[in-house]
PDB file of N, CA and C in Angstrom:
ATOM      1  N   MET A   1       8.382   0.527   6.070  1.00  0.00           N
ATOM      2  CA  MET A   1       7.569  -0.086   6.351  1.00  0.00           C
ATOM      3  C   MET A   1       6.499   0.687   7.390  1.00  0.00           C
ATOM      4  N   ASN A   2       5.277   0.216   7.066  1.00  0.00           N
ATOM      5  CA  ASN A   2       4.295   1.685   8.010  1.00  0.00           C
ATOM      6  C   ASN A   2       2.949   0.126   8.415  1.00  0.00           C
ATOM      7  N   PRO A   3       3.406  -0.190   9.988  1.00  0.00           N
ATOM      8  CA  PRO A   3       2.871  -0.462  10.532  1.00  0.00           C
ATOM      9  C   PRO A   3       1.204  -0.587  10.649  1.00  0.00           C
ATOM     10  N   ARG A   4       0.833   0.419   9.785  1.00  0.00           N
ATOM     11  CA  ARG A   4      -0.997   0.605  10.033  1.00  0.00           C
ATOM     12  C   ARG A   4      -1.085   0.626   8.611  1.00  0.00           C
ATOM     13  N   ALA A   5      -0.598   0.063   7.769  1.00  0.00           N
ATOM     14  CA  ALA A   5      -0.759  -0.133   6.534  1.00  0.00           C
ATOM     15  C   ALA A   5      -0.525  -1.702   5.688  1.00  0.00           C
ATOM     16  N   CYS A   6      -1.899  -1.635   5.236  1.00  0.00           N
ATOM     17  CA  CYS A   6      -1.720  -2.816   4.363  1.00  0.00           C
ATOM     18  C   CYS A   6      -2.176  -3.151   2.697  1.00  0.00           C
ATOM     19  N   ILE A   7      -1.902  -3.706   1.907  1.00  0.00           N
ATOM     20  CA  ILE A   7      -2.512  -4.037   0.947  1.00  0.00           C
ATOM     21  C   ILE A   7      -3.367  -5.720   0.916  1.00  0.00           C
ATOM     22  N   VAL A   8      -4.290  -5.412  -0.157  1.00  0.00           N
ATOM     23  CA  VAL A   8      -5.159  -6.168   0.251  1.00  0.00           C
ATOM     24  C   VAL A   8      -5.432  -6.832  -1.082  1.00  0.00           C
ATOM     25  N   ARG A   9      -5.504  -8.063  -2.000  1.00  0.00           N
ATOM     26  CA  ARG A   9      -5.420  -8.363  -3.157  1.00  0.00           C
ATOM     27  C   ARG A   9      -7.447  -9.317  -3.221  1.00  0.00           C
ATOM     28  N   GLY A  10      -7.557  -9.925  -4.482  1.00  0.00           N
ATOM     29  CA  GLY A  10      -9.126 -10.587  -4.189  1.00  0.00           C
ATOM     30  C   GLY A  10     -10.400  -9.954  -3.625  1.00  0.00           C
ATOM     31  N   LEU A  11     -10.182  -8.914  -3.364  1.00  0.00           N
ATOM     32  CA  LEU A  11     -11.130  -8.592  -2.875  1.00  0.00           C
ATOM     33  C   LEU A  11     -12.198  -7.330  -3.871  1.00  0.00           C
ATOM     34  N   PHE A  12     -11.419  -7.328  -4.765  1.00  0.00           N
ATOM     35  CA  PHE A  12     -12.328  -6.322  -5.781  1.00  0.00           C
ATOM     36  C   PHE A  12     -11.593  -6.812  -7.397  1.00  0.00           C
ATOM     37  N   LYS A  13     -12.362  -6.509  -7.865  1.00  0.00           N
ATOM     38  CA  LYS A  13     -11.584  -6.761  -9.687  1.00  0.00           C
ATOM     39  C   LYS A  13     -11.158  -4.856 -10.141  1.00  0.00           C
ATOM     40  N   LYS A  14      -9.825  -5.162 -11.362  1.00  0.00           N
ATOM     41  CA  LYS A  14      -9.822  -4.417 -11.596  1.00  0.00           C
ATOM     42  C   LYS A  14     -10.454  -3.132 -12.146  1.00  0.00           C
ATOM     43  N   GLU A  15     -11.227  -3.623 -12.235  1.00  0.00           N
ATOM     44  CA  GLU A  15     -12.393  -2.611 -13.567  1.00  0.00           C
ATOM     45  C   GLU A  15     -13.411  -1.452 -12.286  1.00  0.00           C
ATOM     46  N   THR A  16     -12.945  -2.448 -10.973  1.00  0.00           N
ATOM     47  CA  THR A  16     -13.831  -1.640  -9.765  1.00  0.00           C
ATOM     48  C   THR A  16     -13.390   0.388 -10.086  1.00  0.00           C
ATOM     49  N   ASN A  17     -14.976   0.441  -9.946  1.00  0.00           N
ATOM     50  CA  ASN A  17     -15.050   2.389  -9.281  1.00  0.00           C
ATOM     51  C   ASN A  17     -15.161   2.170  -7.739  1.00  0.00           C
ATOM     52  N   TRP A  18     -13.404   2.725  -7.792  1.00  0.00           N
ATOM     53  CA  TRP A  18     -13.135   2.819  -6.124  1.00  0.00           C
ATOM     54  C   TRP A  18     -13.909   4.314  -5.906  1.00  0.00           C
ATOM     55  N   GLU A  19     -13.846   5.206  -6.702  1.00  0.00           N
ATOM     56  CA  GLU A  19     -14.936   6.414  -5.656  1.00  0.00           C
ATOM     57  C   GLU A  19     -16.088   5.916  -4.504  1.00  0.00           C
ATOM     58  N   VAL A  20     -16.616   4.560  -4.735  1.00  0.00           N
ATOM     59  CA  VAL A  20     -17.530   4.080  -4.270  1.00  0.00           C
ATOM     60  C   VAL A  20     -17.092   3.651  -3.090  1.00  0.00           C
ATOM     61  N   PHE A  21     -16.247   2.609  -2.920  1.00  0.00           N
ATOM     62  CA  PHE A  21     -14.939   2.316  -1.894  1.00  0.00           C
ATOM     63  C   PHE A  21     -14.276   3.552  -1.478  1.00  0.00           C
ATOM     64  N   LEU A  22     -14.045   4.328  -1.467  1.00  0.00           N
ATOM     65  CA  LEU A  22     -12.815   4.753  -1.013  1.00  0.00           C
ATOM     66  C   LEU A  22     -13.773   5.238   1.044  1.00  0.00           C
ATOM     67  N   ASN A  23     -12.927   5.055   1.890  1.00  0.00           N
ATOM     68  CA  ASN A  23     -12.686   5.721   3.510  1.00  0.00           C
ATOM     69  C   ASN A  23     -14.306   4.548   3.936  1.00  0.00           C
ATOM     70  N   LEU A  24     -14.386   3.339   2.924  1.00  0.00           N
ATOM     71  CA  LEU A  24     -15.816   2.617   3.920  1.00  0.00           C
ATOM     72  C   LEU A  24     -14.535   1.636   4.697  1.00  0.00           C
ATOM     73  N   ARG A  25     -15.191   1.340   5.378  1.00  0.00           N
ATOM     74  CA  ARG A  25     -14.479   1.126   7.088  1.00  0.00           C
ATOM     75  C   ARG A  25     -14.727  -0.617   6.640  1.00  0.00           C
ATOM     76  N   VAL A  26     -13.788  -1.107   7.166  1.00  0.00           N
ATOM     77  CA  VAL A  26     -13.258  -2.869   6.905  1.00  0.00           C
ATOM     78  C   VAL A  26     -12.855  -3.082   8.371  1.00  0.00           C
ATOM     79  N   LYS A  27     -12.708  -4.745   8.493  1.00  0.00           N
ATOM     80  CA  LYS A  27     -12.225  -5.242   9.928  1.00  0.00           C
ATOM     81  C   LYS A  27     -11.286  -6.324   9.104  1.00  0.00           C
ATOM     82  N   VAL A  28      -9.605  -6.345   9.475  1.00  0.00           N
ATOM     83  CA  VAL A  28      -9.058  -7.026   9.067  1.00  0.00           C
ATOM     84  C   VAL A  28      -8.850  -8.137  10.436  1.00  0.00           C
ATOM     85  N   PHE A  29      -9.186  -9.512  10.271  1.00  0.00           N
ATOM     86  CA  PHE A  29      -8.463 -10.415  10.705  1.00  0.00           C
ATOM     87  C   PHE A  29      -7.148 -11.347  10.495  1.00  0.00           C
ATOM     88  N   ILE A  30      -6.764 -11.085  12.003  1.00  0.00           N
ATOM     89  CA  ILE A  30      -5.051 -12.188  11.582  1.00  0.00           C
ATOM     90  C   ILE A  30      -5.590 -13.195  12.335  1.00  0.00           C
ATOM     91  N   THR A  31      -5.141 -14.194  12.131  1.00  0.00           N
ATOM     92  CA  THR A  31      -5.238 -15.852  12.517  1.00  0.00           C
ATOM     93  C   THR A  31      -3.611 -16.137  12.806  1.00  0.00           C
ATOM     94  N   PRO A  32      -3.401 -17.079  13.405  1.00  0.00           N
ATOM     95  CA  PRO A  32      -2.348 -17.604  13.973  1.00  0.00           C
ATOM     96  C   PRO A  32      -1.724 -18.040  12.431  1.00  0.00           C
ATOM     97  N   SER A  33      -2.803 -18.867  11.751  1.00  0.00           N
ATOM     98  CA  SER A  33      -1.645 -19.239  10.489  1.00  0.00           C
ATOM     99  C   SER A  33      -1.532 -18.495   9.329  1.00  0.00           C
ATOM    100  N   SER A  34      -2.332 -17.648   9.711  1.00  0.00           N
ATOM    101  CA  SER A  34      -2.201 -16.277   7.881  1.00  0.00           C
ATOM    102  C   SER A  34      -0.934 -15.037   9.064  1.00  0.00           C
ATOM    103  N   VAL A  35      -0.386 -15.203   9.743  1.00  0.00           N
ATOM    104  CA  VAL A  35       0.437 -13.990   9.962  1.00  0.00           C
ATOM    105  C   VAL A  35       1.746 -14.815   9.061  1.00  0.00           C
ATOM    106  N   GLY A  36       2.309 -14.022   8.084  1.00  0.00           N
ATOM    107  CA  GLY A  36       3.114 -14.214   6.866  1.00  0.00           C
ATOM    108  C   GLY A  36       2.793 -15.206   6.056  1.00  0.00           C
ATOM    109  N   SER A  37       1.630 -14.966   5.944  1.00  0.00           N
ATOM    110  CA  SER A  37       0.587 -15.950   4.540  1.00  0.00           C
ATOM    111  C   SER A  37       0.263 -14.537   3.714  1.00  0.00           C
ATOM    112  N   THR A  38      -0.103 -14.673   2.612  1.00  0.00           N
ATOM    113  CA  THR A  38      -0.040 -14.103   1.181  1.00  0.00           C
ATOM    114  C   THR A  38      -1.026 -14.917   0.780  1.00  0.00           C
ATOM    115  N   ASP A  39      -2.126 -15.700   1.054  1.00  0.00           N
ATOM    116  CA  ASP A  39      -2.928 -16.688   0.957  1.00  0.00           C
ATOM    117  C   ASP A  39      -3.260 -17.042   2.335  1.00  0.00           C
ATOM    118  N   SER A  40      -4.700 -16.678   1.906  1.00  0.00           N
ATOM    119  CA  SER A  40      -5.357 -16.628   3.611  1.00  0.00           C
ATOM    120  C   SER A  40      -6.930 -16.975   2.791  1.00  0.00           C
ATOM    121  N   ASP A  41      -7.016 -18.112   2.968  1.00  0.00           N
ATOM    122  CA  ASP A  41      -8.718 -18.969   3.100  1.00  0.00           C
ATOM    123  C   ASP A  41      -9.757 -18.440   4.177  1.00  0.00           C
ATOM    124  N   PRO A  42     -10.804 -17.756   4.399  1.00  0.00           N
ATOM    125  CA  PRO A  42     -11.530 -17.289   4.171  1.00  0.00           C
ATOM    126  C   PRO A  42     -12.572 -18.558   5.196  1.00  0.00           C
ATOM    127  N   GLN A  43     -12.217 -19.556   4.163  1.00  0.00           N
ATOM    128  CA  GLN A  43     -13.290 -20.429   4.675  1.00  0.00           C
ATOM    129  C   GLN A  43     -12.726 -21.000   6.189  1.00  0.00           C
ATOM    130  N   GLU A  44     -10.841 -20.562   6.363  1.00  0.00           N
ATOM    131  CA  GLU A  44     -10.787 -21.506   7.578  1.00  0.00           C
ATOM    132  C   GLU A  44     -10.988 -20.650   8.934  1.00  0.00           C
ATOM    133  N   LEU A  45     -11.057 -18.772   8.165  1.00  0.00           N
ATOM    134  CA  LEU A  45     -11.306 -18.736  10.030  1.00  0.00           C
ATOM    135  C   LEU A  45     -12.449 -19.204  10.499  1.00  0.00           C
ATOM    136  N   SER A  46     -12.978 -19.384  10.151  1.00  0.00           N
ATOM    137  CA  SER A  46     -14.287 -20.267  10.881  1.00  0.00           C
ATOM    138  C   SER A  46     -14.304 -21.429  11.787  1.00  0.00           C
ATOM    139  N   LYS A  47     -13.089 -21.836  11.511  1.00  0.00           N
ATOM    140  CA  LYS A  47     -12.455 -23.083  12.175  1.00  0.00           C
ATOM    141  C   LYS A  47     -11.362 -22.495  13.601  1.00  0.00           C
ATOM    142  N   VAL A  48     -10.608 -21.678  13.276  1.00  0.00           N
ATOM    143  CA  VAL A  48      -9.934 -20.818  14.452  1.00  0.00           C
ATOM    144  C   VAL A  48     -10.821 -20.439  15.367  1.00  0.00           C
ATOM    145  N   ASP A  49     -10.238 -20.912  16.415  1.00  0.00           N
ATOM    146  CA  ASP A  49     -10.039 -20.453  18.077  1.00  0.00           C
ATOM    147  C   ASP A  49     -10.333 -19.616  18.413  1.00  0.00           C
ATOM    148  N   SER A  50     -11.459 -18.406  18.535  1.00  0.00           N
ATOM    149  CA  SER A  50     -11.788 -16.927  18.130  1.00  0.00           C
ATOM    150  C   SER A  50     -10.739 -16.081  19.097  1.00  0.00           C
ATOM    151  N   SER A  51     -10.576 -17.362  20.029  1.00  0.00           N
ATOM    152  CA  SER A  51     -10.038 -16.680  20.819  1.00  0.00           C
ATOM    153  C   SER A  51      -8.431 -16.040  20.560  1.00  0.00           C
ATOM    154  N   ALA A  52      -7.703 -16.567  19.268  1.00  0.00           N
ATOM    155  CA  ALA A  52      -6.867 -16.078  19.261  1.00  0.00           C
ATOM    156  C   ALA A  52      -6.646 -15.706  17.705  1.00  0.00           C
ATOM    157  N   VAL A  53      -7.835 -15.462  17.067  1.00  0.00           N
ATOM    158  CA  VAL A  53      -8.170 -14.498  16.284  1.00  0.00           C
ATOM    159  C   VAL A  53      -7.898 -12.813  16.616  1.00  0.00           C
ATOM    160  N   ILE A  54      -7.097 -12.047  16.015  1.00  0.00           N
ATOM    161  CA  ILE A  54      -7.264 -10.179  15.883  1.00  0.00           C
ATOM    162  C   ILE A  54      -7.645  -9.443  14.851  1.00  0.00           C
ATOM    163  N   THR A  55      -8.536  -8.532  15.176  1.00  0.00           N
ATOM    164  CA  THR A  55      -9.297  -7.758  14.676  1.00  0.00           C
ATOM    165  C   THR A  55      -8.695  -6.774  14.663  1.00  0.00           C
ATOM    166  N   ILE A  56      -8.348  -6.198  13.351  1.00  0.00           N
ATOM    167  CA  ILE A  56      -8.009  -4.892  13.472  1.00  0.00           C
ATOM    168  C   ILE A  56      -8.594  -3.609  12.457  1.00  0.00           C
ATOM    169  N   PRO A  57     -10.003  -2.494  13.050  1.00  0.00           N
ATOM    170  CA  PRO A  57     -10.826  -2.287  12.175  1.00  0.00           C
ATOM    171  C   PRO A  57      -9.604  -1.087  11.067  1.00  0.00           C
ATOM    172  N   GLY A  58     -10.362  -0.341  10.012  1.00  0.00           N
ATOM    173  CA  GLY A  58      -9.377   0.527   9.090  1.00  0.00           C
ATOM    174  C   GLY A  58     -10.007   0.881   8.288  1.00  0.00           C
ATOM    175  N   ARG A  59      -9.283   1.544   7.666  1.00  0.00           N
ATOM    176  CA  ARG A  59     -11.127   1.990   6.102  1.00  0.00           C
ATOM    177  C   ARG A  59      -9.982   1.831   4.601  1.00  0.00           C
ATOM    178  N   ILE A  60     -10.467   1.624   3.724  1.00  0.00           N
ATOM    179  CA  ILE A  60     -10.098   2.230   2.204  1.00  0.00           C
ATOM    180  C   ILE A  60      -9.308   3.048   2.257  1.00  0.00           C
ATOM    181  N   GLU A  61      -8.173   3.095   1.653  1.00  0.00           N
ATOM    182  CA  GLU A  61      -7.712   4.658   1.011  1.00  0.00           C
ATOM    183  C   GLU A  61      -7.154   4.912  -0.181  1.00  0.00           C
ATOM    184  N   GLY A  62      -7.545   3.708  -0.876  1.00  0.00           N
ATOM    185  CA  GLY A  62      -7.435   3.929  -2.507  1.00  0.00           C
ATOM    186  C   GLY A  62      -7.186   2.141  -3.669  1.00  0.00           C
ATOM    187  N   ASN A  63      -7.146   2.321  -4.731  1.00  0.00           N
ATOM    188  CA  ASN A  63      -6.238   1.263  -4.711  1.00  0.00           C
ATOM    189  C   ASN A  63      -4.449   1.410  -5.336  1.00  0.00           C
ATOM    190  N   PHE A  64      -4.557   0.253  -6.215  1.00  0.00           N
ATOM    191  CA  PHE A  64      -3.009  -0.072  -5.370  1.00  0.00           C
ATOM    192  C   PHE A  64      -2.457  -0.643  -6.702  1.00  0.00           C
ATOM    193  N   GLY A  65      -2.257  -0.076  -7.688  1.00  0.00           N
ATOM    194  CA  GLY A  65      -1.763  -0.948  -8.408  1.00  0.00           C
ATOM    195  C   GLY A  65      -3.044  -0.875 -10.133  1.00  0.00           C
ATOM    196  N   GLN A  66      -2.873  -1.902 -10.481  1.00  0.00           N
ATOM    197  CA  GLN A  66      -3.896  -2.209 -12.062  1.00  0.00           C
ATOM    198  C   GLN A  66      -4.546  -2.872 -11.816  1.00  0.00           C
ATOM    199  N   SER A  67      -4.181  -4.150 -10.706  1.00  0.00           N
ATOM    200  CA  SER A  67      -5.267  -5.264 -10.258  1.00  0.00           C
ATOM    201  C   SER A  67      -5.808  -5.536  -9.797  1.00  0.00           C
ATOM    202  N   GLY A  68      -6.618  -4.509  -9.175  1.00  0.00           N
ATOM    203  CA  GLY A  68      -7.444  -4.960  -8.528  1.00  0.00           C
ATOM    204  C   GLY A  68      -7.098  -4.566  -6.903  1.00  0.00           C
ATOM    205  N   LYS A  69      -5.927  -4.191  -6.679  1.00  0.00           N
ATOM    206  CA  LYS A  69      -5.792  -4.547  -4.980  1.00  0.00           C
ATOM    207  C   LYS A  69      -5.972  -2.850  -4.585  1.00  0.00           C
ATOM    208  N   CYS A  70      -6.073  -2.957  -3.278  1.00  0.00           N
ATOM    209  CA  CYS A  70      -6.346  -1.634  -2.582  1.00  0.00           C
ATOM    210  C   CYS A  70      -5.608  -1.563  -1.048  1.00  0.00           C
ATOM    211  N   ARG A  71      -4.848  -0.464  -1.332  1.00  0.00           N
ATOM    212  CA  ARG A  71      -4.618   0.184   0.194  1.00  0.00           C
ATOM    213  C   ARG A  71      -5.178   0.220   1.275  1.00  0.00           C
ATOM    214  N   ILE A  72      -5.034  -0.201   2.638  1.00  0.00           N
ATOM    215  CA  ILE A  72      -6.192   0.106   3.698  1.00  0.00           C
ATOM    216  C   ILE A  72      -4.753   0.912   4.918  1.00  0.00           C
ATOM    217  N   THR A  73      -6.032   1.444   5.662  1.00  0.00           N
ATOM    218  CA  THR A  73      -4.865   1.786   6.815  1.00  0.00           C
ATOM    219  C   THR A  73      -5.200   2.076   7.964  1.00  0.00           C
ATOM    220  N   LEU A  74      -4.820   1.314   8.806  1.00  0.00           N
ATOM    221  CA  LEU A  74      -5.207   0.289   9.801  1.00  0.00           C
ATOM    222  C   LEU A  74      -5.570   1.183  11.290  1.00  0.00           C
ATOM    223  N   ASP A  75      -6.675   0.961  12.146  1.00  0.00           N
ATOM    224  CA  ASP A  75      -6.429   2.087  12.908  1.00  0.00           C
ATOM    225  C   ASP A  75      -5.841   1.335  14.612  1.00  0.00           C
ATOM    226  N   GLY A  76      -5.049   0.476  14.504  1.00  0.00           N
ATOM    227  CA  GLY A  76      -4.142   0.177  15.201  1.00  0.00           C
ATOM    228  C   GLY A  76      -3.137  -1.096  14.167  1.00  0.00           C
ATOM    229  N   MET A  77      -1.982  -1.074  15.006  1.00  0.00           N
ATOM    230  CA  MET A  77      -0.448  -1.370  14.183  1.00  0.00           C
ATOM    231  C   MET A  77      -0.681  -2.399  14.095  1.00  0.00           C
ATOM    232  N   LEU A  78      -0.421  -3.794  13.114  1.00  0.00           N
ATOM    233  CA  LEU A  78       0.469  -4.870  12.619  1.00  0.00           C
ATOM    234  C   LEU A  78       1.756  -5.035  13.887  1.00  0.00           C
ATOM    235  N   LYS A  79       1.593  -6.484  13.926  1.00  0.00           N
ATOM    236  CA  LYS A  79       2.438  -6.982  15.126  1.00  0.00           C
ATOM    237  C   LYS A  79       3.004  -7.725  14.455  1.00  0.00           C
TER     238      LYS A  79
END
């Protein structure tokens, strides 16, 4: 397992043209309630104490599979 990589789902549709998004800069927000979770609600982020949120910048590397998931390489490591 690579601590600087993650797979994101729900961001794109499966028919997305990946060339448009390759190397696009992104930020991954990790909250205490999202650790180990596969389903994080973006609306919950606004309810979390900002000092408890970890932000890790990264970039989109490409697609993952056939269902619209994407690979992200992070600038820092996941803990």
